[in-house]
Structures are given as structure tokens and as C-alpha cells.
PDB file of N, CA and C in Angstrom:
ATOM      1  N   MET A   1     -12.163  -7.982 -19.260  1.00  0.00           N
ATOM      2  CA  MET A   1     -11.119  -7.446 -18.458  1.00  0.00           C
ATOM      3  C   MET A   1     -11.436  -7.690 -16.965  1.00  0.00           C
ATOM      4  N   ASP A   2     -10.435  -8.154 -16.243  1.00  0.00           N
ATOM      5  CA  ASP A   2     -10.667  -8.424 -14.804  1.00  0.00           C
ATOM      6  C   ASP A   2     -10.571  -7.164 -13.999  1.00  0.00           C
ATOM      7  N   ILE A   3     -10.974  -7.244 -12.707  1.00  0.00           N
ATOM      8  CA  ILE A   3     -11.033  -6.044 -11.899  1.00  0.00           C
ATOM      9  C   ILE A   3      -9.517  -5.563 -11.625  1.00  0.00           C
ATOM     10  N   LEU A   4      -8.641  -6.423 -11.502  1.00  0.00           N
ATOM     11  CA  LEU A   4      -7.243  -6.031 -11.191  1.00  0.00           C
ATOM     12  C   LEU A   4      -6.618  -5.209 -12.419  1.00  0.00           C
ATOM     13  N   GLU A   5      -6.906  -5.661 -13.627  1.00  0.00           N
ATOM     14  CA  GLU A   5      -6.428  -4.931 -14.747  1.00  0.00           C
ATOM     15  C   GLU A   5      -7.087  -3.569 -14.892  1.00  0.00           C
ATOM     16  N   LYS A   6      -8.417  -3.581 -14.642  1.00  0.00           N
ATOM     17  CA  LYS A   6      -9.151  -2.281 -14.710  1.00  0.00           C
ATOM     18  C   LYS A   6      -8.698  -1.267 -13.704  1.00  0.00           C
ATOM     19  N   THR A   7      -8.379  -1.738 -12.487  1.00  0.00           N
ATOM     20  CA  THR A   7      -7.831  -0.914 -11.424  1.00  0.00           C
ATOM     21  C   THR A   7      -6.386  -0.406 -11.833  1.00  0.00           C
ATOM     22  N   ARG A   8      -5.564  -1.251 -12.399  1.00  0.00           N
ATOM     23  CA  ARG A   8      -4.274  -0.826 -12.887  1.00  0.00           C
ATOM     24  C   ARG A   8      -4.406   0.241 -13.943  1.00  0.00           C
ATOM     25  N   GLN A   9      -5.306   0.087 -14.843  1.00  0.00           N
ATOM     26  CA  GLN A   9      -5.407   1.064 -15.923  1.00  0.00           C
ATOM     27  C   GLN A   9      -5.835   2.383 -15.315  1.00  0.00           C
ATOM     28  N   GLU A  10      -6.740   2.404 -14.450  1.00  0.00           N
ATOM     29  CA  GLU A  10      -7.227   3.633 -13.750  1.00  0.00           C
ATOM     30  C   GLU A  10      -6.128   4.236 -12.941  1.00  0.00           C
ATOM     31  N   PHE A  11      -5.298   3.472 -12.259  1.00  0.00           N
ATOM     32  CA  PHE A  11      -4.129   3.916 -11.516  1.00  0.00           C
ATOM     33  C   PHE A  11      -3.142   4.676 -12.480  1.00  0.00           C
ATOM     34  N   VAL A  12      -2.839   4.025 -13.597  1.00  0.00           N
ATOM     35  CA  VAL A  12      -1.891   4.588 -14.662  1.00  0.00           C
ATOM     36  C   VAL A  12      -2.480   5.894 -15.195  1.00  0.00           C
ATOM     37  N   GLU A  13      -3.794   6.030 -15.395  1.00  0.00           N
ATOM     38  CA  GLU A  13      -4.443   7.215 -15.865  1.00  0.00           C
ATOM     39  C   GLU A  13      -4.250   8.336 -14.818  1.00  0.00           C
ATOM     40  N   ILE A  14      -4.431   7.995 -13.533  1.00  0.00           N
ATOM     41  CA  ILE A  14      -4.259   9.057 -12.506  1.00  0.00           C
ATOM     42  C   ILE A  14      -2.855   9.564 -12.470  1.00  0.00           C
ATOM     43  N   ILE A  15      -1.947   8.586 -12.513  1.00  0.00           N
ATOM     44  CA  ILE A  15      -0.439   8.929 -12.573  1.00  0.00           C
ATOM     45  C   ILE A  15      -0.184   9.907 -13.745  1.00  0.00           C
ATOM     46  N   ARG A  16      -0.544   9.461 -14.925  1.00  0.00           N
ATOM     47  CA  ARG A  16      -0.354  10.309 -16.091  1.00  0.00           C
ATOM     48  C   ARG A  16      -0.998  11.671 -16.052  1.00  0.00           C
ATOM     49  N   ASP A  17      -2.335  11.642 -15.614  1.00  0.00           N
ATOM     50  CA  ASP A  17      -3.022  12.940 -15.621  1.00  0.00           C
ATOM     51  C   ASP A  17      -2.397  13.948 -14.638  1.00  0.00           C
ATOM     52  N   ASN A  18      -1.830  13.440 -13.591  1.00  0.00           N
ATOM     53  CA  ASN A  18      -1.126  14.379 -12.672  1.00  0.00           C
ATOM     54  C   ASN A  18       0.353  14.612 -12.936  1.00  0.00           C
ATOM     55  N   GLY A  19       0.887  13.992 -13.905  1.00  0.00           N
ATOM     56  CA  GLY A  19       2.302  14.223 -14.231  1.00  0.00           C
ATOM     57  C   GLY A  19       3.220  13.558 -13.334  1.00  0.00           C
ATOM     58  N   TRP A  20       2.844  12.442 -12.578  1.00  0.00           N
ATOM     59  CA  TRP A  20       3.692  11.836 -11.546  1.00  0.00           C
ATOM     60  C   TRP A  20       4.506  10.701 -12.059  1.00  0.00           C
ATOM     61  N   ASP A  21       4.234  10.192 -13.332  1.00  0.00           N
ATOM     62  CA  ASP A  21       4.935   8.994 -13.803  1.00  0.00           C
ATOM     63  C   ASP A  21       6.446   9.087 -13.877  1.00  0.00           C
ATOM     64  N   ASP A  22       6.984  10.183 -14.247  1.00  0.00           N
ATOM     65  CA  ASP A  22       8.380  10.259 -14.471  1.00  0.00           C
ATOM     66  C   ASP A  22       9.123  11.057 -13.282  1.00  0.00           C
ATOM     67  N   GLU A  23       8.406  11.551 -12.396  1.00  0.00           N
ATOM     68  CA  GLU A  23       9.014  12.231 -11.309  1.00  0.00           C
ATOM     69  C   GLU A  23       9.573  11.261 -10.268  1.00  0.00           C
ATOM     70  N   TYR A  24      10.899  11.275 -10.213  1.00  0.00           N
ATOM     71  CA  TYR A  24      11.513  10.376  -9.245  1.00  0.00           C
ATOM     72  C   TYR A  24      11.385  10.813  -7.779  1.00  0.00           C
ATOM     73  N   ILE A  25      10.968  12.033  -7.547  1.00  0.00           N
ATOM     74  CA  ILE A  25      10.838  12.384  -6.148  1.00  0.00           C
ATOM     75  C   ILE A  25       9.600  11.780  -5.517  1.00  0.00           C
ATOM     76  N   ASN A  26       8.672  11.270  -6.367  1.00  0.00           N
ATOM     77  CA  ASN A  26       7.425  10.630  -5.849  1.00  0.00           C
ATOM     78  C   ASN A  26       7.742   9.154  -5.518  1.00  0.00           C
ATOM     79  N   VAL A  27       8.137   9.073  -4.186  1.00  0.00           N
ATOM     80  CA  VAL A  27       8.531   7.789  -3.772  1.00  0.00           C
ATOM     81  C   VAL A  27       7.400   7.197  -2.873  1.00  0.00           C
ATOM     82  N   VAL A  28       7.159   5.934  -3.087  1.00  0.00           N
ATOM     83  CA  VAL A  28       6.132   5.215  -2.313  1.00  0.00           C
ATOM     84  C   VAL A  28       6.970   4.226  -1.427  1.00  0.00           C
ATOM     85  N   SER A  29       6.794   4.191  -0.100  1.00  0.00           N
ATOM     86  CA  SER A  29       7.439   3.254   0.734  1.00  0.00           C
ATOM     87  C   SER A  29       6.439   2.476   1.517  1.00  0.00           C
ATOM     88  N   ALA A  30       6.717   1.285   1.789  1.00  0.00           N
ATOM     89  CA  ALA A  30       5.761   0.462   2.582  1.00  0.00           C
ATOM     90  C   ALA A  30       6.564  -0.400   3.593  1.00  0.00           C
ATOM     91  N   HIS A  31       5.973  -0.535   4.830  1.00  0.00           N
ATOM     92  CA  HIS A  31       6.536  -1.330   5.806  1.00  0.00           C
ATOM     93  C   HIS A  31       5.546  -2.013   6.618  1.00  0.00           C
ATOM     94  N   PRO A  32       5.805  -3.232   7.195  1.00  0.00           N
ATOM     95  CA  PRO A  32       4.701  -3.880   7.940  1.00  0.00           C
ATOM     96  C   PRO A  32       4.522  -3.081   9.337  1.00  0.00           C
ATOM     97  N   LEU A  33       3.260  -3.020   9.775  1.00  0.00           N
ATOM     98  CA  LEU A  33       2.974  -2.387  11.095  1.00  0.00           C
ATOM     99  C   LEU A  33       2.600  -3.484  12.075  1.00  0.00           C
ATOM    100  N   SER A  34       2.993  -3.387  13.252  1.00  0.00           N
ATOM    101  CA  SER A  34       2.576  -4.289  14.309  1.00  0.00           C
ATOM    102  C   SER A  34       1.129  -4.215  14.552  1.00  0.00           C
ATOM    103  N   ALA A  35       0.593  -5.149  15.221  1.00  0.00           N
ATOM    104  CA  ALA A  35      -0.871  -5.136  15.558  1.00  0.00           C
ATOM    105  C   ALA A  35      -1.175  -3.816  16.350  1.00  0.00           C
ATOM    106  N   SER A  36      -0.358  -3.559  17.369  1.00  0.00           N
ATOM    107  CA  SER A  36      -0.648  -2.372  18.165  1.00  0.00           C
ATOM    108  C   SER A  36      -0.624  -1.061  17.321  1.00  0.00           C
ATOM    109  N   GLU A  37       0.376  -0.953  16.315  1.00  0.00           N
ATOM    110  CA  GLU A  37       0.446   0.170  15.472  1.00  0.00           C
ATOM    111  C   GLU A  37      -0.759   0.309  14.588  1.00  0.00           C
ATOM    112  N   SER A  38      -1.382  -0.949  14.109  1.00  0.00           N
ATOM    113  CA  SER A  38      -2.457  -0.920  13.268  1.00  0.00           C
ATOM    114  C   SER A  38      -3.804  -0.586  13.994  1.00  0.00           C
ATOM    115  N   ILE A  39      -4.083  -1.260  15.077  1.00  0.00           N
ATOM    116  CA  ILE A  39      -5.359  -1.011  15.714  1.00  0.00           C
ATOM    117  C   ILE A  39      -5.297  -0.609  17.193  1.00  0.00           C
ATOM    118  N   GLY A  40      -4.099  -0.358  17.689  1.00  0.00           N
ATOM    119  CA  GLY A  40      -3.970   0.020  19.090  1.00  0.00           C
ATOM    120  C   GLY A  40      -4.074  -1.161  19.965  1.00  0.00           C
ATOM    121  N   CYS A  41      -4.519  -1.029  21.236  1.00  0.00           N
ATOM    122  CA  CYS A  41      -4.681  -2.101  22.199  1.00  0.00           C
ATOM    123  C   CYS A  41      -6.200  -2.337  22.460  1.00  0.00           C
ATOM    124  N   PRO A  42      -6.908  -2.990  21.581  1.00  0.00           N
ATOM    125  CA  PRO A  42      -8.385  -3.198  21.911  1.00  0.00           C
ATOM    126  C   PRO A  42      -8.605  -4.090  23.060  1.00  0.00           C
ATOM    127  N   ASP A  43      -9.763  -3.946  23.681  1.00  0.00           N
ATOM    128  CA  ASP A  43     -10.268  -4.713  24.727  1.00  0.00           C
ATOM    129  C   ASP A  43     -10.522  -6.171  24.252  1.00  0.00           C
ATOM    130  N   ARG A  44     -11.164  -6.253  23.056  1.00  0.00           N
ATOM    131  CA  ARG A  44     -11.387  -7.547  22.521  1.00  0.00           C
ATOM    132  C   ARG A  44     -10.126  -8.082  21.867  1.00  0.00           C
ATOM    133  N   GLN A  45      -9.912  -9.401  21.887  1.00  0.00           N
ATOM    134  CA  GLN A  45      -8.746 -10.072  21.237  1.00  0.00           C
ATOM    135  C   GLN A  45      -9.115 -10.960  20.062  1.00  0.00           C
ATOM    136  N   ASP A  46     -10.315 -10.775  19.543  1.00  0.00           N
ATOM    137  CA  ASP A  46     -10.761 -11.653  18.391  1.00  0.00           C
ATOM    138  C   ASP A  46     -10.485 -11.058  17.007  1.00  0.00           C
ATOM    139  N   TYR A  47      -9.853  -9.986  17.002  1.00  0.00           N
ATOM    140  CA  TYR A  47      -9.517  -9.331  15.616  1.00  0.00           C
ATOM    141  C   TYR A  47      -8.534 -10.251  14.878  1.00  0.00           C
ATOM    142  N   PRO A  48      -8.810 -10.467  13.518  1.00  0.00           N
ATOM    143  CA  PRO A  48      -7.966 -11.312  12.705  1.00  0.00           C
ATOM    144  C   PRO A  48      -6.509 -10.887  12.787  1.00  0.00           C
ATOM    145  N   ILE A  49      -6.175  -9.592  12.788  1.00  0.00           N
ATOM    146  CA  ILE A  49      -4.888  -9.124  12.763  1.00  0.00           C
ATOM    147  C   ILE A  49      -4.083  -9.544  14.009  1.00  0.00           C
ATOM    148  N   LEU A  50      -4.835  -9.838  15.128  1.00  0.00           N
ATOM    149  CA  LEU A  50      -4.159 -10.218  16.405  1.00  0.00           C
ATOM    150  C   LEU A  50      -3.866 -11.683  16.396  1.00  0.00           C
ATOM    151  N   LYS A  51      -4.675 -12.485  15.538  1.00  0.00           N
ATOM    152  CA  LYS A  51      -4.549 -13.941  15.612  1.00  0.00           C
ATOM    153  C   LYS A  51      -3.976 -14.583  14.362  1.00  0.00           C
ATOM    154  N   GLY A  52      -3.957 -13.877  13.261  1.00  0.00           N
ATOM    155  CA  GLY A  52      -3.674 -14.521  12.002  1.00  0.00           C
ATOM    156  C   GLY A  52      -2.306 -14.096  11.438  1.00  0.00           C
ATOM    157  N   ARG A  53      -2.104 -14.589  10.294  1.00  0.00           N
ATOM    158  CA  ARG A  53      -0.830 -14.316   9.560  1.00  0.00           C
ATOM    159  C   ARG A  53      -0.819 -12.876   8.954  1.00  0.00           C
ATOM    160  N   GLU A  54      -1.954 -12.314   8.774  1.00  0.00           N
ATOM    161  CA  GLU A  54      -1.925 -11.005   7.984  1.00  0.00           C
ATOM    162  C   GLU A  54      -1.505  -9.875   8.986  1.00  0.00           C
ATOM    163  N   VAL A  55      -0.799  -8.941   8.294  1.00  0.00           N
ATOM    164  CA  VAL A  55      -0.364  -7.695   8.915  1.00  0.00           C
ATOM    165  C   VAL A  55      -0.838  -6.554   8.105  1.00  0.00           C
ATOM    166  N   MET A  56      -0.754  -5.402   8.726  1.00  0.00           N
ATOM    167  CA  MET A  56      -1.080  -4.167   8.024  1.00  0.00           C
ATOM    168  C   MET A  56       0.179  -3.542   7.480  1.00  0.00           C
ATOM    169  N   ILE A  57       0.200  -3.042   6.319  1.00  0.00           N
ATOM    170  CA  ILE A  57       1.304  -2.330   5.824  1.00  0.00           C
ATOM    171  C   ILE A  57       0.817  -0.856   5.571  1.00  0.00           C
ATOM    172  N   GLU A  58       1.795  -0.016   5.612  1.00  0.00           N
ATOM    173  CA  GLU A  58       1.505   1.440   5.483  1.00  0.00           C
ATOM    174  C   GLU A  58       2.362   2.024   4.425  1.00  0.00           C
ATOM    175  N   ALA A  59       1.785   2.688   3.438  1.00  0.00           N
ATOM    176  CA  ALA A  59       2.461   3.282   2.370  1.00  0.00           C
ATOM    177  C   ALA A  59       2.487   4.799   2.513  1.00  0.00           C
ATOM    178  N   LEU A  60       3.541   5.471   2.223  1.00  0.00           N
ATOM    179  CA  LEU A  60       3.673   6.931   2.339  1.00  0.00           C
ATOM    180  C   LEU A  60       3.935   7.519   1.013  1.00  0.00           C
ATOM    181  N   PHE A  61       3.145   8.639   0.675  1.00  0.00           N
ATOM    182  CA  PHE A  61       3.328   9.291  -0.609  1.00  0.00           C
ATOM    183  C   PHE A  61       2.919  10.727  -0.460  1.00  0.00           C
ATOM    184  N   ARG A  62       3.985  11.586  -0.616  1.00  0.00           N
ATOM    185  CA  ARG A  62       3.802  13.110  -0.615  1.00  0.00           C
ATOM    186  C   ARG A  62       3.137  13.395   0.778  1.00  0.00           C
ATOM    187  N   GLY A  63       3.622  12.912   1.810  1.00  0.00           N
ATOM    188  CA  GLY A  63       3.090  13.251   3.166  1.00  0.00           C
ATOM    189  C   GLY A  63       1.800  12.596   3.513  1.00  0.00           C
ATOM    190  N   SER A  64       1.183  11.791   2.656  1.00  0.00           N
ATOM    191  CA  SER A  64      -0.062  11.061   2.953  1.00  0.00           C
ATOM    192  C   SER A  64       0.246   9.556   3.206  1.00  0.00           C
ATOM    193  N   LYS A  65      -0.665   8.976   3.962  1.00  0.00           N
ATOM    194  CA  LYS A  65      -0.389   7.562   4.305  1.00  0.00           C
ATOM    195  C   LYS A  65      -1.681   6.717   3.909  1.00  0.00           C
ATOM    196  N   GLY A  66      -1.464   5.526   3.556  1.00  0.00           N
ATOM    197  CA  GLY A  66      -2.507   4.573   3.238  1.00  0.00           C
ATOM    198  C   GLY A  66      -2.157   3.216   3.836  1.00  0.00           C
ATOM    199  N   GLN A  67      -3.143   2.491   4.244  1.00  0.00           N
ATOM    200  CA  GLN A  67      -2.917   1.133   4.853  1.00  0.00           C
ATOM    201  C   GLN A  67      -3.686   0.133   4.043  1.00  0.00           C
ATOM    202  N   ALA A  68      -3.148  -1.144   4.112  1.00  0.00           N
ATOM    203  CA  ALA A  68      -3.688  -2.334   3.543  1.00  0.00           C
ATOM    204  C   ALA A  68      -3.252  -3.614   4.350  1.00  0.00           C
ATOM    205  N   TYR A  69      -4.177  -4.612   4.324  1.00  0.00           N
ATOM    206  CA  TYR A  69      -3.784  -5.804   5.017  1.00  0.00           C
ATOM    207  C   TYR A  69      -3.132  -6.746   3.970  1.00  0.00           C
ATOM    208  N   THR A  70      -2.202  -7.551   4.367  1.00  0.00           N
ATOM    209  CA  THR A  70      -1.554  -8.517   3.528  1.00  0.00           C
ATOM    210  C   THR A  70      -0.932  -9.684   4.286  1.00  0.00           C
ATOM    211  N   ASP A  71      -0.861 -10.828   3.679  1.00  0.00           N
ATOM    212  CA  ASP A  71      -0.165 -11.974   4.266  1.00  0.00           C
ATOM    213  C   ASP A  71       1.246 -12.056   3.673  1.00  0.00           C
ATOM    214  N   GLN A  72       1.664 -11.140   2.861  1.00  0.00           N
ATOM    215  CA  GLN A  72       2.995 -11.193   2.298  1.00  0.00           C
ATOM    216  C   GLN A  72       3.647  -9.718   2.446  1.00  0.00           C
ATOM    217  N   PRO A  73       3.938  -9.373   3.777  1.00  0.00           N
ATOM    218  CA  PRO A  73       4.496  -7.963   4.010  1.00  0.00           C
ATOM    219  C   PRO A  73       5.893  -7.934   3.466  1.00  0.00           C
ATOM    220  N   GLY A  74       6.365  -6.787   3.239  1.00  0.00           N
ATOM    221  CA  GLY A  74       7.687  -6.514   2.899  1.00  0.00           C
ATOM    222  C   GLY A  74       7.942  -5.086   2.783  1.00  0.00           C
ATOM    223  N   ASN A  75       9.164  -4.694   2.594  1.00  0.00           N
ATOM    224  CA  ASN A  75       9.435  -3.272   2.469  1.00  0.00           C
ATOM    225  C   ASN A  75       9.683  -2.957   0.930  1.00  0.00           C
ATOM    226  N   TYR A  76       9.304  -1.744   0.547  1.00  0.00           N
ATOM    227  CA  TYR A  76       9.315  -1.400  -0.945  1.00  0.00           C
ATOM    228  C   TYR A  76       9.490   0.105  -1.007  1.00  0.00           C
ATOM    229  N   ALA A  77      10.319   0.558  -2.013  1.00  0.00           N
ATOM    230  CA  ALA A  77      10.392   1.862  -2.303  1.00  0.00           C
ATOM    231  C   ALA A  77      10.628   2.065  -3.819  1.00  0.00           C
ATOM    232  N   GLY A  78       9.966   3.019  -4.435  1.00  0.00           N
ATOM    233  CA  GLY A  78      10.086   3.200  -5.870  1.00  0.00           C
ATOM    234  C   GLY A  78       9.101   4.210  -6.365  1.00  0.00           C
ATOM    235  N   THR A  79       9.090   4.581  -7.509  1.00  0.00           N
ATOM    236  CA  THR A  79       8.278   5.606  -8.131  1.00  0.00           C
ATOM    237  C   THR A  79       6.879   4.977  -8.365  1.00  0.00           C
ATOM    238  N   LEU A  80       5.894   5.801  -8.570  1.00  0.00           N
ATOM    239  CA  LEU A  80       4.563   5.376  -8.962  1.00  0.00           C
ATOM    240  C   LEU A  80       4.566   4.656 -10.306  1.00  0.00           C
ATOM    241  N   LYS A  81       5.443   4.997 -11.216  1.00  0.00           N
ATOM    242  CA  LYS A  81       5.504   4.339 -12.397  1.00  0.00           C
ATOM    243  C   LYS A  81       5.984   2.971 -12.183  1.00  0.00           C
ATOM    244  N   ASN A  82       7.012   2.718 -11.339  1.00  0.00           N
ATOM    245  CA  ASN A  82       7.479   1.470 -10.972  1.00  0.00           C
ATOM    246  C   ASN A  82       6.384   0.600 -10.360  1.00  0.00           C
ATOM    247  N   VAL A  83       5.562   1.187  -9.542  1.00  0.00           N
ATOM    248  CA  VAL A  83       4.428   0.494  -8.911  1.00  0.00           C
ATOM    249  C   VAL A  83       3.472   0.034 -10.001  1.00  0.00           C
ATOM    250  N   ALA A  84       3.160   0.891 -10.971  1.00  0.00           N
ATOM    251  CA  ALA A  84       2.193   0.499 -11.976  1.00  0.00           C
ATOM    252  C   ALA A  84       2.711  -0.637 -12.930  1.00  0.00           C
ATOM    253  N   ASP A  85       4.022  -0.672 -13.019  1.00  0.00           N
ATOM    254  CA  ASP A  85       4.557  -1.748 -13.872  1.00  0.00           C
ATOM    255  C   ASP A  85       4.789  -3.063 -13.214  1.00  0.00           C
ATOM    256  N   LEU A  86       4.546  -3.174 -11.961  1.00  0.00           N
ATOM    257  CA  LEU A  86       4.653  -4.434 -11.208  1.00  0.00           C
ATOM    258  C   LEU A  86       3.680  -5.411 -11.717  1.00  0.00           C
ATOM    259  N   SER A  87       4.094  -6.640 -11.766  1.00  0.00           N
ATOM    260  CA  SER A  87       3.174  -7.734 -12.109  1.00  0.00           C
ATOM    261  C   SER A  87       2.212  -8.056 -11.092  1.00  0.00           C
TER     262      SER A  87
END
């Protein structure tokens, strides 16, 4: 089993254990953040996010936020079960 599938299985267990899988109120949304929203205005200009294709996205769930770098940003909204079912 590869690391992605193992992570997916653990995610599904967390969702199931907390009863979040069928709750439609549990919405996750993600949107790209600008470099200044991600890291502010640093003195150094050699950060990859300032020079590269990658951006940071931010996901919101039940009032909490999480960030991740990606080179394929986009907007998304759906339940945690929908996220677990993504390919």
C-alpha cells in the first residue's frame, strides 16, 4: 500500500470516528492565497512562493484553517466524505 492510500484510509477513519461523513454542514473550502497573504512581505526575495508557480491554498473547516502549497490551485467546496472520495 502506498503512502497516499494509507493516508486516505486514515482520513476516512477520522471522518467516520467523529461522525462527520454524512453531515452536510461540514464544508471544506479552499482558495489560492497571494504570496503576501501566505508569508507576508519578507526582506528576502528568494522564497520559492515568490518566484515559482506554486501558491498556497487555505482550507477552512469548522472555524479552523489549514494551508498547503500546490502548483494546481483552485476553488473547492464539499463535504469531508466528498473529499475522501476524490481520486
